Every structure is written in C-alpha cells, then in structure tokens.
Amino acid sequence: MSAPTGRRRAIAKALTALLPLAPYADLEKIRADAGSVHMKTLPPTIAVWLATIAHVRHAHTDYEKLLAEGYDRDSARFFVIDETNAVLTRWRATRLLDEDDEDE
C-alpha cells in the first residue's frame, strides 16, 4: 500500500529540497523507502532524510562490505560517513551526515 497523495506530495517536496541534483534512479528508491509503511509515522522531511542516508550508505559506500567483514553497524556507519557525505555533496544536498546523528 502506498502513501496517501498528500504525503506523497510532501515527500516529493522534501526530496527536491534536500537533494536537488540526485540521479533519478536514486530519487525513486529514496522516494519509495520514505513512503513505506515503517516510515508513515514520521514527518516527511525526517522520512526522506532517513531513507536518503540508508540508501546512500547501502548503495554508494562500503557499508555492506564492512558488515560482511564483521564490523558492527555503528562502526561500519562511522567508517562510511565521509563516503556518504561525498555522495550527498555531489547531489548538492542541503544537509550532510554528522558523526553524532542518530539514524535508522
């Protein structure tokens, strides 16, 4: 079941504001994740941010490789902050990931 129309619009608006230059394929995956059932209680801007960080981490960094090598999630996340922010910077994101950010 997809998000109601108003929420879809709010998610689209939040995506455009946060990630003005993100590639379409990445935007579509982030949009789907932000609109998923487990995100429905979150404000659209928060859902988009969390979906963005999760997507970038899993699709554009060595996060999965670090997990496979035995690193715990927190350590793996720490080691990919710079890679994550490099992707966000390429996409002209209006926010970057901070070491202290609590996510997912």
C-alpha atoms as a PDB file:
ATOM      1  CA  MET A   1       0.000   0.000   0.000  1.00  0.00           C
ATOM      2  CA  SER A   2       1.437   3.353  -0.984  1.00  0.00           C
ATOM      3  CA  ALA A   3       1.370   6.591   0.934  1.00  0.00           C
ATOM      4  CA  PRO A   4      -1.692   8.847   0.654  1.00  0.00           C
ATOM      5  CA  THR A   5      -1.478  11.530  -2.032  1.00  0.00           C
ATOM      6  CA  GLY A   6      -0.796  14.417   0.377  1.00  0.00           C
ATOM      7  CA  ARG A   7       2.048  12.513   1.951  1.00  0.00           C
ATOM      8  CA  ARG A   8       3.442  11.587  -1.473  1.00  0.00           C
ATOM      9  CA  ARG A   9       3.459  15.276  -2.409  1.00  0.00           C
ATOM     10  CA  ALA A  10       5.164  16.200   0.872  1.00  0.00           C
ATOM     11  CA  ILE A  11       7.791  13.514   0.305  1.00  0.00           C
ATOM     12  CA  ALA A  12       8.389  14.741  -3.261  1.00  0.00           C
ATOM     13  CA  LYS A  13       8.759  18.318  -1.998  1.00  0.00           C
ATOM     14  CA  ALA A  14      11.180  17.221   0.745  1.00  0.00           C
ATOM     15  CA  LEU A  15      13.223  15.224  -1.796  1.00  0.00           C
ATOM     16  CA  THR A  16      13.501  18.195  -4.147  1.00  0.00           C
ATOM     17  CA  ALA A  17      14.565  20.459  -1.290  1.00  0.00           C
ATOM     18  CA  LEU A  18      17.112  18.030   0.172  1.00  0.00           C
ATOM     19  CA  LEU A  19      18.608  16.513  -2.990  1.00  0.00           C
ATOM     20  CA  PRO A  20      18.409  18.915  -5.932  1.00  0.00           C
ATOM     21  CA  LEU A  21      20.905  17.006  -8.116  1.00  0.00           C
ATOM     22  CA  ALA A  22      20.385  13.378  -7.123  1.00  0.00           C
ATOM     23  CA  PRO A  23      20.032  10.945 -10.040  1.00  0.00           C
ATOM     24  CA  TYR A  24      16.503   9.870 -10.895  1.00  0.00           C
ATOM     25  CA  ALA A  25      17.071   6.183 -10.083  1.00  0.00           C
ATOM     26  CA  ASP A  26      18.345   7.091  -6.619  1.00  0.00           C
ATOM     27  CA  LEU A  27      15.488   9.530  -6.051  1.00  0.00           C
ATOM     28  CA  GLU A  28      12.914   6.877  -6.943  1.00  0.00           C
ATOM     29  CA  LYS A  29      14.397   4.375  -4.481  1.00  0.00           C
ATOM     30  CA  ILE A  30      14.572   7.015  -1.730  1.00  0.00           C
ATOM     31  CA  ARG A  31      11.000   8.134  -2.520  1.00  0.00           C
ATOM     32  CA  ALA A  32       9.738   4.546  -2.221  1.00  0.00           C
ATOM     33  CA  ASP A  33      11.589   3.976   1.051  1.00  0.00           C
ATOM     34  CA  ALA A  34      10.404   7.290   2.540  1.00  0.00           C
ATOM     35  CA  GLY A  35       6.817   6.373   1.642  1.00  0.00           C
ATOM     36  CA  SER A  36       6.986   2.875   3.092  1.00  0.00           C
ATOM     37  CA  VAL A  37       4.824   1.642   5.947  1.00  0.00           C
ATOM     38  CA  HIS A  38       7.581   1.717   8.562  1.00  0.00           C
ATOM     39  CA  MET A  39       8.154   5.443   7.872  1.00  0.00           C
ATOM     40  CA  LYS A  40       4.497   6.535   7.878  1.00  0.00           C
ATOM     41  CA  THR A  41       4.515   7.920  11.422  1.00  0.00           C
ATOM     42  CA  LEU A  42       7.487  10.179  10.700  1.00  0.00           C
ATOM     43  CA  PRO A  43       7.233  13.682   9.246  1.00  0.00           C
ATOM     44  CA  PRO A  44       8.014  13.564   5.505  1.00  0.00           C
ATOM     45  CA  THR A  45      11.265  15.518   5.892  1.00  0.00           C
ATOM     46  CA  ILE A  46      12.552  13.050   8.502  1.00  0.00           C
ATOM     47  CA  ALA A  47      11.416  10.039   6.455  1.00  0.00           C
ATOM     48  CA  VAL A  48      13.229  11.422   3.397  1.00  0.00           C
ATOM     49  CA  TRP A  49      16.416  12.090   5.379  1.00  0.00           C
ATOM     50  CA  LEU A  50      16.488   8.602   6.910  1.00  0.00           C
ATOM     51  CA  ALA A  51      15.684   6.956   3.572  1.00  0.00           C
ATOM     52  CA  THR A  52      18.408   9.024   1.898  1.00  0.00           C
ATOM     53  CA  ILE A  53      21.084   8.091   4.414  1.00  0.00           C
ATOM     54  CA  ALA A  54      20.127   4.405   4.330  1.00  0.00           C
ATOM     55  CA  HIS A  55      20.104   4.363   0.517  1.00  0.00           C
ATOM     56  CA  VAL A  56      23.427   6.163   0.119  1.00  0.00           C
ATOM     57  CA  ARG A  57      25.036   4.011   2.796  1.00  0.00           C
ATOM     58  CA  HIS A  58      23.880   0.725   1.244  1.00  0.00           C
ATOM     59  CA  ALA A  59      24.172   1.619  -2.449  1.00  0.00           C
ATOM     60  CA  HIS A  60      27.108   4.041  -2.649  1.00  0.00           C
ATOM     61  CA  THR A  61      29.569   3.144   0.146  1.00  0.00           C
ATOM     62  CA  ASP A  62      31.490   0.163   1.515  1.00  0.00           C
ATOM     63  CA  TYR A  63      28.963  -0.245   4.350  1.00  0.00           C
ATOM     64  CA  GLU A  64      27.758  -3.700   3.270  1.00  0.00           C
ATOM     65  CA  LYS A  65      31.358  -4.851   2.763  1.00  0.00           C
ATOM     66  CA  LEU A  66      32.299  -3.671   6.272  1.00  0.00           C
ATOM     67  CA  LEU A  67      29.335  -5.536   7.765  1.00  0.00           C
ATOM     68  CA  ALA A  68      30.360  -8.660   5.860  1.00  0.00           C
ATOM     69  CA  GLU A  69      33.871  -8.301   7.290  1.00  0.00           C
ATOM     70  CA  GLY A  70      32.422  -8.410  10.793  1.00  0.00           C
ATOM     71  CA  TYR A  71      32.147  -4.759  11.762  1.00  0.00           C
ATOM     72  CA  ASP A  72      29.124  -3.886  13.890  1.00  0.00           C
ATOM     73  CA  ARG A  73      26.618  -1.410  12.441  1.00  0.00           C
ATOM     74  CA  ASP A  74      27.836   1.586  14.443  1.00  0.00           C
ATOM     75  CA  SER A  75      31.477   1.020  13.470  1.00  0.00           C
ATOM     76  CA  ALA A  76      30.590   0.451   9.813  1.00  0.00           C
ATOM     77  CA  ARG A  77      28.473   3.615   9.813  1.00  0.00           C
ATOM     78  CA  PHE A  78      31.331   5.594  11.330  1.00  0.00           C
ATOM     79  CA  PHE A  79      33.747   4.428   8.642  1.00  0.00           C
ATOM     80  CA  VAL A  80      31.433   5.418   5.760  1.00  0.00           C
ATOM     81  CA  ILE A  81      30.486   8.924   6.949  1.00  0.00           C
ATOM     82  CA  ASP A  82      32.965  10.586   4.572  1.00  0.00           C
ATOM     83  CA  GLU A  83      31.840   8.453   1.612  1.00  0.00           C
ATOM     84  CA  THR A  84      28.205   9.194   2.460  1.00  0.00           C
ATOM     85  CA  ASN A  85      28.832  12.934   2.652  1.00  0.00           C
ATOM     86  CA  ALA A  86      30.778  12.860  -0.629  1.00  0.00           C
ATOM     87  CA  VAL A  87      27.700  11.445  -2.372  1.00  0.00           C
ATOM     88  CA  LEU A  88      25.421  13.964  -0.649  1.00  0.00           C
ATOM     89  CA  THR A  89      27.768  16.769  -1.722  1.00  0.00           C
ATOM     90  CA  ARG A  90      27.710  15.581  -5.361  1.00  0.00           C
ATOM     91  CA  TRP A  91      23.930  15.656  -5.179  1.00  0.00           C
ATOM     92  CA  ARG A  92      24.081  19.197  -3.697  1.00  0.00           C
ATOM     93  CA  ALA A  93      22.265  18.006  -0.570  1.00  0.00           C
ATOM     94  CA  THR A  94      21.201  20.765   1.794  1.00  0.00           C
ATOM     95  CA  ARG A  95      22.275  18.641   4.763  1.00  0.00           C
ATOM     96  CA  LEU A  96      25.208  16.340   5.464  1.00  0.00           C
ATOM     97  CA  LEU A  97      25.572  13.462   7.877  1.00  0.00           C
ATOM     98  CA  ASP A  98      27.175  14.291  11.205  1.00  0.00           C
ATOM     99  CA  GLU A  99      29.012  11.756  13.383  1.00  0.00           C
ATOM    100  CA  ASP A 100      26.500  12.406  16.148  1.00  0.00           C
ATOM    101  CA  ASP A 101      23.387  11.875  14.009  1.00  0.00           C
ATOM    102  CA  GLU A 102      21.107   9.160  15.293  1.00  0.00           C
ATOM    103  CA  ASP A 103      19.527   7.381  12.365  1.00  0.00           C
ATOM    104  CA  GLU A 104      17.634   4.261  11.359  1.00  0.00           C
END
